[in-house]
Structures are given as C-alpha cells and as structure tokens.
Protein backbone atom coordinates (compact mmCIF):
# COMPACT_ATOMS: atom_id res chain seq x y z
CA MET A 1 -77.80 148.28 -15.41
CA ALA A 2 -75.77 147.54 -18.54
CA THR A 3 -74.50 150.14 -20.93
CA ARG A 4 -75.33 150.15 -24.67
CA ALA A 5 -72.08 148.29 -25.38
CA GLY A 6 -73.21 145.48 -23.12
CA LYS A 7 -70.76 146.33 -20.41
CA LEU A 8 -71.59 146.84 -16.74
CA THR A 9 -71.14 150.23 -15.20
CA THR A 10 -68.81 150.76 -12.27
CA ALA A 11 -71.75 151.02 -9.89
CA ASP A 12 -73.13 147.71 -11.12
CA VAL A 13 -69.79 145.98 -10.61
CA VAL A 14 -69.43 147.34 -7.10
CA ARG A 15 -73.07 146.40 -6.28
CA ARG A 16 -72.59 142.86 -7.64
CA ASN A 17 -69.38 142.36 -5.67
CA LEU A 18 -70.99 143.60 -2.49
CA HIS A 19 -73.91 141.20 -2.74
CA LYS A 20 -71.96 138.28 -4.19
CA LYS A 21 -71.66 135.45 -1.68
CA THR A 22 -68.21 133.94 -1.93
CA PHE A 23 -66.24 131.86 0.49
CA ASP A 24 -63.10 133.62 1.67
CA ALA A 25 -61.27 131.46 4.20
CA ARG A 26 -58.75 134.14 5.22
CA SER A 27 -61.48 136.71 5.90
CA LEU A 28 -63.52 134.24 7.93
CA ALA A 29 -60.41 133.18 9.90
CA PHE A 30 -59.53 136.81 10.68
CA GLU A 31 -63.10 137.59 11.75
CA ALA A 32 -63.16 134.48 13.98
CA ALA A 33 -59.83 135.51 15.59
CA LEU A 34 -61.22 139.00 16.33
CA ILE A 35 -64.34 137.52 17.90
CA LEU A 36 -62.20 135.13 19.93
CA MET A 37 -60.07 137.98 21.27
CA LEU A 38 -63.19 139.95 22.20
CA LEU A 39 -64.75 136.97 24.03
CA LEU A 40 -61.39 136.25 25.82
CA SER A 41 -61.12 139.86 26.99
CA LEU A 42 -64.73 139.84 28.24
CA ALA A 43 -64.14 136.52 30.00
CA ILE A 44 -61.06 137.87 31.85
CA LEU A 45 -62.94 141.05 32.82
CA ILE A 46 -66.02 139.19 34.00
CA THR A 47 -63.87 136.78 36.00
CA LEU A 48 -62.05 139.59 37.79
CA LEU A 49 -65.27 141.44 38.50
CA ALA A 50 -66.97 138.33 39.73
CA ASP A 51 -64.09 137.54 42.14
CA VAL A 52 -64.13 141.05 43.50
CA ALA A 53 -67.92 141.17 43.86
CA ARG A 54 -68.00 137.79 45.59
CA THR A 55 -66.16 139.06 48.64
CA GLY A 56 -66.57 142.82 48.36
CA LEU A 57 -70.36 142.95 48.22
CA GLU A 58 -70.53 140.84 51.35
CA VAL A 59 -68.51 143.45 53.23
CA LEU A 60 -70.62 146.32 51.89
CA SER A 61 -73.82 144.57 52.68
CA GLU A 62 -72.67 143.91 56.30
CA ARG A 63 -71.27 147.36 57.03
CA GLY A 64 -73.31 149.51 54.70
CA THR A 65 -72.44 153.17 54.53
CA ASP A 66 -70.19 152.78 57.59
CA PHE A 67 -67.48 151.47 55.26
CA VAL A 68 -67.32 154.74 53.32
CA GLN A 69 -67.78 156.97 56.36
CA THR A 70 -64.98 155.68 58.61
CA GLY A 71 -61.24 156.15 58.33
CA LEU A 72 -58.26 153.81 58.39
CA SER A 73 -57.72 151.49 61.31
CA PRO A 74 -55.44 148.57 62.14
CA ILE A 75 -58.61 146.65 63.03
CA ALA A 76 -60.33 145.28 59.95
CA SER A 77 -63.84 145.52 61.42
CA ARG A 78 -63.38 149.25 61.97
CA ALA A 79 -61.39 150.22 58.83
CA GLY A 80 -62.95 152.32 56.12
CA VAL A 81 -62.12 154.27 53.01
CA PHE A 82 -63.30 157.75 53.95
CA GLN A 83 -59.79 159.24 54.13
CA GLY A 84 -58.97 157.66 50.75
CA ILE A 85 -62.04 159.23 49.17
CA VAL A 86 -61.23 162.66 50.58
CA GLY A 87 -57.58 162.36 49.46
CA SER A 88 -58.52 161.24 45.95
CA PHE A 89 -60.96 164.07 45.47
CA LEU A 90 -58.54 166.71 46.76
CA MET A 91 -55.93 165.52 44.30
CA MET A 92 -58.52 165.47 41.51
CA ALA A 93 -59.18 169.10 42.32
CA PHE A 94 -55.50 169.86 41.53
CA VAL A 95 -55.85 167.91 38.28
CA GLY A 96 -58.97 169.86 37.33
CA LEU A 97 -57.50 173.24 38.20
CA ILE A 98 -54.09 172.70 36.60
CA ALA A 99 -54.12 170.02 33.90
CA PHE A 100 -57.42 170.92 32.27
CA PRO A 101 -56.86 174.67 31.66
CA MET A 102 -53.24 174.15 30.60
CA GLY A 103 -54.01 171.17 28.41
CA ILE A 104 -56.98 172.77 26.64
CA GLY A 105 -55.08 176.05 26.22
CA ALA A 106 -52.08 174.28 24.78
CA ALA A 107 -54.26 172.34 22.35
CA VAL A 108 -55.98 175.54 21.19
CA TYR A 109 -52.64 177.18 20.56
CA LEU A 110 -51.16 174.23 18.67
CA GLU A 111 -54.26 173.74 16.48
CA GLU A 112 -55.48 177.28 15.96
CA TYR A 113 -52.53 179.66 16.33
CA ALA A 114 -49.21 177.83 15.89
CA THR A 115 -47.83 177.61 12.33
CA ASP A 116 -47.12 174.21 10.83
CA ASN A 117 -43.33 174.22 11.04
CA ARG A 118 -40.62 171.90 12.24
CA LEU A 119 -40.66 173.18 15.85
CA THR A 120 -44.44 172.62 16.12
CA ARG A 121 -44.20 169.08 14.71
CA ILE A 122 -41.35 168.27 17.21
CA ILE A 123 -43.50 169.56 20.07
CA ASP A 124 -46.49 167.50 18.94
CA VAL A 125 -44.40 164.33 18.67
CA ASN A 126 -42.96 164.86 22.12
CA ILE A 127 -46.39 165.39 23.65
CA ARG A 128 -47.63 162.16 22.13
CA ASN A 129 -44.52 160.36 23.43
CA LEU A 130 -45.11 161.75 26.92
CA ALA A 131 -48.57 160.25 26.89
CA GLY A 132 -47.01 156.79 26.64
CA VAL A 133 -44.45 157.22 29.44
CA PRO A 134 -45.05 154.79 32.35
CA SER A 135 -46.73 156.45 35.35
CA VAL A 136 -43.83 155.44 37.69
CA VAL A 137 -41.57 157.80 35.73
CA TYR A 138 -43.91 160.66 36.54
CA GLY A 139 -43.70 159.51 40.15
CA ILE A 140 -39.92 159.85 40.07
CA LEU A 141 -40.34 163.34 38.52
CA GLY A 142 -42.75 164.29 41.25
CA LEU A 143 -40.39 163.00 43.90
CA ALA A 144 -37.48 165.00 42.52
CA VAL A 145 -39.33 168.22 41.78
CA PHE A 146 -42.34 168.58 44.05
CA VAL A 147 -41.14 166.64 47.10
CA GLU A 148 -37.41 167.48 47.11
CA ALA A 149 -36.82 170.68 45.14
CA LEU A 150 -40.12 172.46 45.99
CA GLY A 151 -40.72 170.79 49.39
CA GLY A 152 -40.84 174.11 51.19
CA ALA A 153 -43.88 175.23 49.12
CA THR A 154 -45.63 171.90 48.73
CA GLY A 155 -44.98 170.46 52.19
CA GLY A 156 -42.88 167.61 50.81
CA ARG A 157 -44.77 164.32 50.88
CA SER A 158 -48.26 165.83 50.76
CA ILE A 159 -51.50 166.00 48.82
CA ILE A 160 -50.13 169.00 46.95
CA SER A 161 -47.24 166.99 45.64
CA GLY A 162 -49.50 164.08 44.71
CA GLY A 163 -52.01 166.35 42.99
CA LEU A 164 -49.30 168.15 41.00
CA THR A 165 -47.76 164.82 39.96
CA LEU A 166 -51.12 163.51 38.71
CA ALA A 167 -51.74 166.76 36.88
CA ILE A 168 -48.46 166.45 35.01
CA LEU A 169 -49.25 162.80 34.30
CA VAL A 170 -52.59 163.44 32.55
CA LEU A 171 -51.54 166.73 30.96
CA PRO A 172 -50.33 165.12 27.69
CA ILE A 173 -53.60 163.11 27.43
CA VAL A 174 -55.67 166.25 27.84
CA ILE A 175 -53.67 168.07 25.17
CA ILE A 176 -53.97 165.16 22.67
CA THR A 177 -57.71 164.57 23.17
CA SER A 178 -58.49 168.28 23.03
CA ALA A 179 -56.36 168.76 19.90
CA GLU A 180 -58.13 165.84 18.19
CA ALA A 181 -61.49 167.33 19.06
CA LEU A 182 -60.47 170.76 17.65
CA ARG A 183 -59.01 169.08 14.54
CA ALA A 184 -62.36 167.35 13.93
CA VAL A 185 -64.20 170.68 13.55
CA PRO A 186 -64.80 171.30 9.80
CA SER A 187 -62.76 174.04 8.21
CA SER A 188 -65.91 175.51 6.78
CA ILE A 189 -66.90 176.69 10.30
CA ARG A 190 -63.69 178.73 10.57
CA GLU A 191 -64.02 180.02 7.01
CA ALA A 192 -67.59 181.16 7.64
CA GLY A 193 -66.48 183.12 10.70
CA PHE A 194 -63.57 184.75 8.91
CA GLY A 195 -65.89 185.48 6.00
CA VAL A 196 -68.12 187.72 8.10
CA GLY A 197 -65.16 189.66 9.50
CA ALA A 198 -64.65 187.85 12.86
CA THR A 199 -61.21 187.79 14.42
CA ARG A 200 -59.36 184.57 15.09
CA TRP A 201 -60.20 184.72 18.79
CA GLU A 202 -63.88 185.31 18.04
CA VAL A 203 -63.92 182.35 15.67
CA VAL A 204 -62.22 180.11 18.24
CA ARG A 205 -64.41 181.28 21.11
CA SER A 206 -67.79 181.34 19.41
CA HIS A 207 -67.47 178.62 16.74
CA VAL A 208 -64.62 176.22 17.22
CA LEU A 209 -64.73 175.58 20.99
CA PRO A 210 -68.51 175.06 21.16
CA SER A 211 -68.43 172.51 18.37
CA ALA A 212 -65.38 170.75 19.91
CA ALA A 213 -66.83 170.82 23.44
CA PRO A 214 -68.22 167.26 23.42
CA GLY A 215 -64.86 165.72 22.52
CA ILE A 216 -62.92 167.94 24.91
CA LEU A 217 -65.23 167.16 27.79
CA THR A 218 -65.05 163.42 27.13
CA GLY A 219 -61.26 163.50 26.92
CA THR A 220 -60.82 165.50 30.12
CA ILE A 221 -63.18 163.33 32.18
CA LEU A 222 -61.50 160.15 30.91
CA ALA A 223 -58.13 161.68 31.86
CA LEU A 224 -59.56 162.37 35.29
CA SER A 225 -60.70 158.76 35.54
CA ARG A 226 -57.15 157.56 34.77
CA ALA A 227 -55.74 159.88 37.50
CA LEU A 228 -58.18 158.42 39.95
CA GLY A 229 -56.83 154.94 39.45
CA GLU A 230 -53.10 155.73 39.58
CA THR A 231 -51.05 154.21 42.42
CA ALA A 232 -47.36 154.11 41.57
CA PRO A 233 -46.80 157.91 41.34
CA LEU A 234 -48.53 158.48 44.68
CA LEU A 235 -46.45 155.85 46.42
CA LEU A 236 -43.27 157.54 45.16
CA VAL A 237 -44.35 160.97 46.36
CA GLY A 238 -45.14 159.74 49.86
CA ALA A 239 -48.67 158.28 50.08
CA VAL A 240 -49.10 156.50 53.41
CA THR A 241 -49.36 152.71 53.10
CA GLY A 242 -49.94 152.02 56.75
CA PHE A 243 -52.44 153.40 59.29
CA PHE A 244 -52.69 156.96 60.42
CA THR A 245 -55.23 159.42 61.76
CA SER A 246 -55.57 162.94 60.41
CA GLY A 247 -57.31 164.34 63.48
CA ASP A 248 -58.80 167.82 63.44
CA GLN A 249 -56.83 169.64 60.72
CA THR A 250 -57.51 172.68 58.69
CA LEU A 251 -57.66 172.38 54.90
CA VAL A 252 -54.14 173.84 54.55
CA GLU A 253 -52.78 171.30 57.06
CA GLN A 254 -54.46 168.46 55.23
CA LEU A 255 -53.00 169.60 51.87
CA ARG A 256 -49.50 169.77 53.37
CA GLY A 257 -49.73 166.66 55.52
CA ASP A 258 -49.75 162.89 55.16
CA PHE A 259 -52.28 161.52 52.71
CA VAL A 260 -53.81 158.41 51.26
CA SER A 261 -56.02 157.70 48.26
CA LEU A 262 -58.30 154.91 47.20
CA PRO A 263 -55.71 153.09 45.04
CA THR A 264 -53.03 153.31 47.76
CA ILE A 265 -55.52 151.97 50.36
CA ILE A 266 -56.21 149.03 48.07
CA PHE A 267 -52.46 148.48 47.62
CA SER A 268 -51.88 148.60 51.39
CA TRP A 269 -54.73 146.28 52.34
CA ALA A 270 -53.84 143.76 49.60
CA ARG A 271 -50.44 143.25 51.32
CA GLN A 272 -51.97 142.48 54.70
CA PRO A 273 -51.85 138.81 55.74
CA ASP A 274 -55.20 139.06 57.56
CA THR A 275 -57.98 137.50 55.43
CA ASP A 276 -60.38 140.15 56.75
CA PHE A 277 -58.30 142.82 55.03
CA GLN A 278 -58.45 140.81 51.80
CA ALA A 279 -62.25 141.12 51.86
CA LEU A 280 -61.85 144.89 52.58
CA THR A 281 -59.63 145.14 49.59
CA SER A 282 -62.41 143.84 47.30
CA ALA A 283 -64.87 146.26 48.90
CA ALA A 284 -62.50 149.20 48.34
CA ILE A 285 -62.05 148.13 44.69
CA ILE A 286 -65.81 148.26 44.25
CA VAL A 287 -65.94 151.74 45.72
CA LEU A 288 -63.16 152.86 43.35
CA LEU A 289 -64.92 151.32 40.35
CA VAL A 290 -68.14 153.10 41.30
CA VAL A 291 -66.31 156.45 41.51
CA ILE A 292 -64.68 155.88 38.09
CA LEU A 293 -67.93 154.77 36.51
CA LEU A 294 -69.64 157.90 37.85
CA ALA A 295 -66.89 160.01 36.27
CA ASN A 296 -67.36 158.17 32.95
CA ALA A 297 -71.13 158.58 33.21
CA ALA A 298 -70.62 162.31 33.71
CA ALA A 299 -68.48 162.34 30.54
CA ILE A 300 -71.29 160.74 28.55
CA ILE A 301 -73.94 163.04 29.92
CA LEU A 302 -71.91 166.15 29.22
CA ARG A 303 -71.03 164.90 25.73
CA ASN A 304 -74.63 164.22 24.87
CA ARG A 305 -75.73 167.55 26.30
CA TYR A 306 -73.30 169.74 24.46
CA GLU A 307 -73.01 167.69 21.27
CA ARG A 308 -73.64 169.58 18.08
CA LYS A 309 -73.92 168.09 14.60
CA TRP A 310 -72.42 170.25 11.87
C-alpha cells in the first residue's frame, strides 16, 4: 500500500522483496552444497548401518535371545553380550547418581545464584572447554586418580573406576545443557515469583526448574547415551578385552572386580581373526544401537511429558 507521497511503506518493500523471484546464483550454490552434505552424510550412515545389519541380523535371527543372555566365551557359537550389558548398566548407574545431581546443581548455581563476575566467566569457559576434551584424556585421568591413587577404595581396575571416569567425562555436558535450559526460561517467570514475595529458592524450585525440566531431561539422557558408547576411557581404566567368567559374585565383588561393557566387547571381538567373531561384532553393535535408541526415546518421551509452553 503506497503512501500519499507515492512512496512504498517499509512493510510493502519487505513484502515485495520476499515475494520477488530473482535468480541468485550464490544462494542457490550454497543451498545445493548444504543439500549435498546432507545426502552424503545420510549415505555414509545408511551404508554403515546396512553393512552391520547384513551380518548382525543373521546372528540375532539364528541365536535369538540366547545372544543377550549368555556371557563371554572363546567359542564364537557360545559367546554373548550379557556381561557387557550388565557392566554398562552398572556404570550408567554411577553416571546417573554422580554426574546428574552434580551437573544440574552446578548449573543451577551458575545461572541462578552466582554473580556475573570475572571468576564466574572463567569457570564457564573452562567447563565448555572440558566438554571438548577427547575422551582418552579422561581415561588417563581415571587411571591416575581412580585406579592408582584411590585404588584401595575403588578396587583398582573395576566397574567403580569405570563408572566414576564416565561420570567425570559427561559432567561438563550435563552442566552446559542444564545451564542452557535454565537460561531459556523467560525472566518474567522469575520476576513474577519475586513479585509475590517468594524467595530465590522458592522461585527456582517451583517456577524455574519445572519450566526447564524438558531441556534438562533431554540433555542428561543424551549425555547418558554418550557415556554408553565410550570405549577408550574404559580400556585405560582396565576393562577386560579378552575372555573371563565372573562366576557367583556378590554385587560388591562385581563392582570391585574385572568388568566389560558393550563397547569394549565390540572392540575385543573386532580384533579377532575368526570370521565368526566378526559377525558377532555386528550383532553386538546392533544391541548397543538398540540400547542407545531406547535411551534417546526415553529422552523424547520425558521431554514431551514435562514440556511446558510459557
């Protein structure tokens, strides 16, 4: 709509530019490059999954649930991943009990209580840098601290050491994702709570945390999924890469004894020259992918259940 002076309004100019069909070679080339990268990434992923499924599904169809119910064995036809599943879930329990409360608590303090000064900014930068440190470095840390220095309490090369190492590994990720979820809560929510006389803790407990719960839950479950797939730190803190039997052990003896996980089993079987173990490797990868996908599905369900629109 034109003004009285015959000039177009700002809205008319924007509307005309949005609907104007012009040929922009650079924009089209950039869009084509993005689509090409997407298709290339999907092609690589599909190729890897197809190669794993081709041999892994055959093993799972032949052995059925026996593959996930039996332990390690030097005989390929008898080998299973039960010990790896147990070891992985025990270490995930350490991650859930240590990394999640500490990470969420640290995020709440940094976002809701800490003042914006130089020290806080330095801490925030270091946390973000720690999230990008290679996992093998955390394995070296776990070897030096939990295996060597605290070996008397952890049992040395044990599930406890592995679980603590994975908890330290994902702790920066939990802090970052939780802090971002808290930062996304509108300031008006906090101001409304303070306006009716609520204390800072009451505002955080009753208003901020419930609204940030979907993002926090998603971040923690995704951090758990990353911990499930880690191999290098566990190898450094003593995960068994051969064959062993746990026998009849109490829970404490299992926590302080030799251990394996699904990723370390995959690593061990992939090095075997026997072609039967190569097929078992693909089957174990499928089991690991199913576990990780279930964890991601849990994140989506929890996020949708507790999501609130402000």
